[in-house]
């Protein structure tokens, strides 16, 4: 994999909410668990409140695409790749 020197790539492990659609029993709803998510991307921003990663980066325009901001409260781990 070619490394883009000016951009850091990270893996963010975080907890997301889960949802059920349609009709469920009380037991099915009570058994609903959080979802463990692993997001990998270009590090756009790292603050005390949130981390923003992007799926794509253009070396020609220096623009990012498909960015996602994850609240720090939901983050379990950040690993630089």
C-alpha atoms as a PDB file:
ATOM      1  CA  UNK A   1       0.000   0.000   0.000  1.00  0.00           C
ATOM      2  CA  UNK A   2       1.357   3.419  -0.929  1.00  0.00           C
ATOM      3  CA  UNK A   3       1.651   5.725   2.071  1.00  0.00           C
ATOM      4  CA  UNK A   4       0.546   9.345   1.708  1.00  0.00           C
ATOM      5  CA  UNK A   5       3.207  11.085   3.794  1.00  0.00           C
ATOM      6  CA  UNK A   6       1.132  14.071   4.850  1.00  0.00           C
ATOM      7  CA  UNK A   7      -1.877  12.043   6.013  1.00  0.00           C
ATOM      8  CA  UNK A   8      -2.127   9.750   9.031  1.00  0.00           C
ATOM      9  CA  UNK A   9      -4.245   6.596   8.801  1.00  0.00           C
ATOM     10  CA  UNK A  10      -5.994   5.362  11.937  1.00  0.00           C
ATOM     11  CA  UNK A  11      -8.254   2.594  13.145  1.00  0.00           C
ATOM     12  CA  UNK A  12     -10.933   3.774  15.557  1.00  0.00           C
ATOM     13  CA  UNK A  13     -12.710   1.131  17.645  1.00  0.00           C
ATOM     14  CA  UNK A  14     -15.985   2.490  18.975  1.00  0.00           C
ATOM     15  CA  UNK A  15     -19.414   1.581  20.286  1.00  0.00           C
ATOM     16  CA  UNK A  16     -22.509   2.429  18.264  1.00  0.00           C
ATOM     17  CA  UNK A  17     -26.169   2.106  19.089  1.00  0.00           C
ATOM     18  CA  UNK A  18     -28.254  -0.736  17.647  1.00  0.00           C
ATOM     19  CA  UNK A  19     -31.768  -0.649  16.293  1.00  0.00           C
ATOM     20  CA  UNK A  20     -34.557  -3.108  15.608  1.00  0.00           C
ATOM     21  CA  UNK A  21     -37.248  -2.336  13.071  1.00  0.00           C
ATOM     22  CA  UNK A  22     -40.736  -3.747  12.944  1.00  0.00           C
ATOM     23  CA  UNK A  23     -42.499  -5.601  15.766  1.00  0.00           C
ATOM     24  CA  UNK A  24     -40.533  -7.298  18.575  1.00  0.00           C
ATOM     25  CA  UNK A  25     -41.280  -8.849  21.917  1.00  0.00           C
ATOM     26  CA  UNK A  26     -40.087  -7.182  25.107  1.00  0.00           C
ATOM     27  CA  UNK A  27     -37.458  -9.953  25.444  1.00  0.00           C
ATOM     28  CA  UNK A  28     -36.062  -9.293  21.956  1.00  0.00           C
ATOM     29  CA  UNK A  29     -35.775  -5.582  22.746  1.00  0.00           C
ATOM     30  CA  UNK A  30     -34.179  -6.180  26.152  1.00  0.00           C
ATOM     31  CA  UNK A  31     -31.569  -8.448  24.513  1.00  0.00           C
ATOM     32  CA  UNK A  32     -30.508  -5.754  22.032  1.00  0.00           C
ATOM     33  CA  UNK A  33     -26.786  -4.992  22.498  1.00  0.00           C
ATOM     34  CA  UNK A  34     -24.427  -2.197  21.464  1.00  0.00           C
ATOM     35  CA  UNK A  35     -22.499  -2.672  18.237  1.00  0.00           C
ATOM     36  CA  UNK A  36     -18.684  -2.712  18.269  1.00  0.00           C
ATOM     37  CA  UNK A  37     -17.472  -0.834  15.177  1.00  0.00           C
ATOM     38  CA  UNK A  38     -13.970  -0.678  13.639  1.00  0.00           C
ATOM     39  CA  UNK A  39     -13.477   2.310  11.328  1.00  0.00           C
ATOM     40  CA  UNK A  40     -10.277   2.819   9.335  1.00  0.00           C
ATOM     41  CA  UNK A  41      -9.501   6.031   7.492  1.00  0.00           C
ATOM     42  CA  UNK A  42      -7.491   9.190   7.069  1.00  0.00           C
ATOM     43  CA  UNK A  43      -7.329  11.221  10.276  1.00  0.00           C
ATOM     44  CA  UNK A  44      -8.947  14.591   9.570  1.00  0.00           C
ATOM     45  CA  UNK A  45      -9.395  15.933  13.088  1.00  0.00           C
ATOM     46  CA  UNK A  46      -8.599  14.852  16.640  1.00  0.00           C
ATOM     47  CA  UNK A  47     -10.077  16.956  19.463  1.00  0.00           C
ATOM     48  CA  UNK A  48     -11.009  16.407  23.099  1.00  0.00           C
ATOM     49  CA  UNK A  49     -14.643  15.909  22.001  1.00  0.00           C
ATOM     50  CA  UNK A  50     -14.440  13.905  18.779  1.00  0.00           C
ATOM     51  CA  UNK A  51     -12.355  12.188  16.110  1.00  0.00           C
ATOM     52  CA  UNK A  52     -13.055  12.678  12.405  1.00  0.00           C
ATOM     53  CA  UNK A  53     -11.871  10.153   9.817  1.00  0.00           C
ATOM     54  CA  UNK A  54     -12.325  10.124   6.062  1.00  0.00           C
ATOM     55  CA  UNK A  55     -12.549   7.184   3.676  1.00  0.00           C
ATOM     56  CA  UNK A  56     -10.781   8.979   0.831  1.00  0.00           C
ATOM     57  CA  UNK A  57      -8.201  11.730   0.274  1.00  0.00           C
ATOM     58  CA  UNK A  58      -7.185  13.426  -2.985  1.00  0.00           C
ATOM     59  CA  UNK A  59      -3.522  14.404  -3.341  1.00  0.00           C
ATOM     60  CA  UNK A  60      -4.454  16.646  -6.284  1.00  0.00           C
ATOM     61  CA  UNK A  61      -7.144  18.752  -4.580  1.00  0.00           C
ATOM     62  CA  UNK A  62      -6.193  18.057  -0.942  1.00  0.00           C
ATOM     63  CA  UNK A  63      -9.851  17.325  -0.221  1.00  0.00           C
ATOM     64  CA  UNK A  64     -11.414  14.535   1.824  1.00  0.00           C
ATOM     65  CA  UNK A  65     -14.506  12.453   0.984  1.00  0.00           C
ATOM     66  CA  UNK A  66     -16.951  10.449   3.096  1.00  0.00           C
ATOM     67  CA  UNK A  67     -15.910  11.912   6.452  1.00  0.00           C
ATOM     68  CA  UNK A  68     -17.374  10.658   9.734  1.00  0.00           C
ATOM     69  CA  UNK A  69     -17.106  12.265  13.172  1.00  0.00           C
ATOM     70  CA  UNK A  70     -17.150   9.916  16.166  1.00  0.00           C
ATOM     71  CA  UNK A  71     -17.803  11.315  19.649  1.00  0.00           C
ATOM     72  CA  UNK A  72     -14.974  10.626  22.120  1.00  0.00           C
ATOM     73  CA  UNK A  73     -17.556   9.192  24.550  1.00  0.00           C
ATOM     74  CA  UNK A  74     -18.098   6.308  22.127  1.00  0.00           C
ATOM     75  CA  UNK A  75     -14.408   5.598  21.358  1.00  0.00           C
ATOM     76  CA  UNK A  76     -12.688   2.626  22.949  1.00  0.00           C
ATOM     77  CA  UNK A  77      -9.336   2.819  21.141  1.00  0.00           C
ATOM     78  CA  UNK A  78      -7.444   4.770  18.463  1.00  0.00           C
ATOM     79  CA  UNK A  79      -4.559   3.028  16.707  1.00  0.00           C
ATOM     80  CA  UNK A  80      -2.232   4.659  14.163  1.00  0.00           C
ATOM     81  CA  UNK A  81      -1.571   2.392  11.176  1.00  0.00           C
END
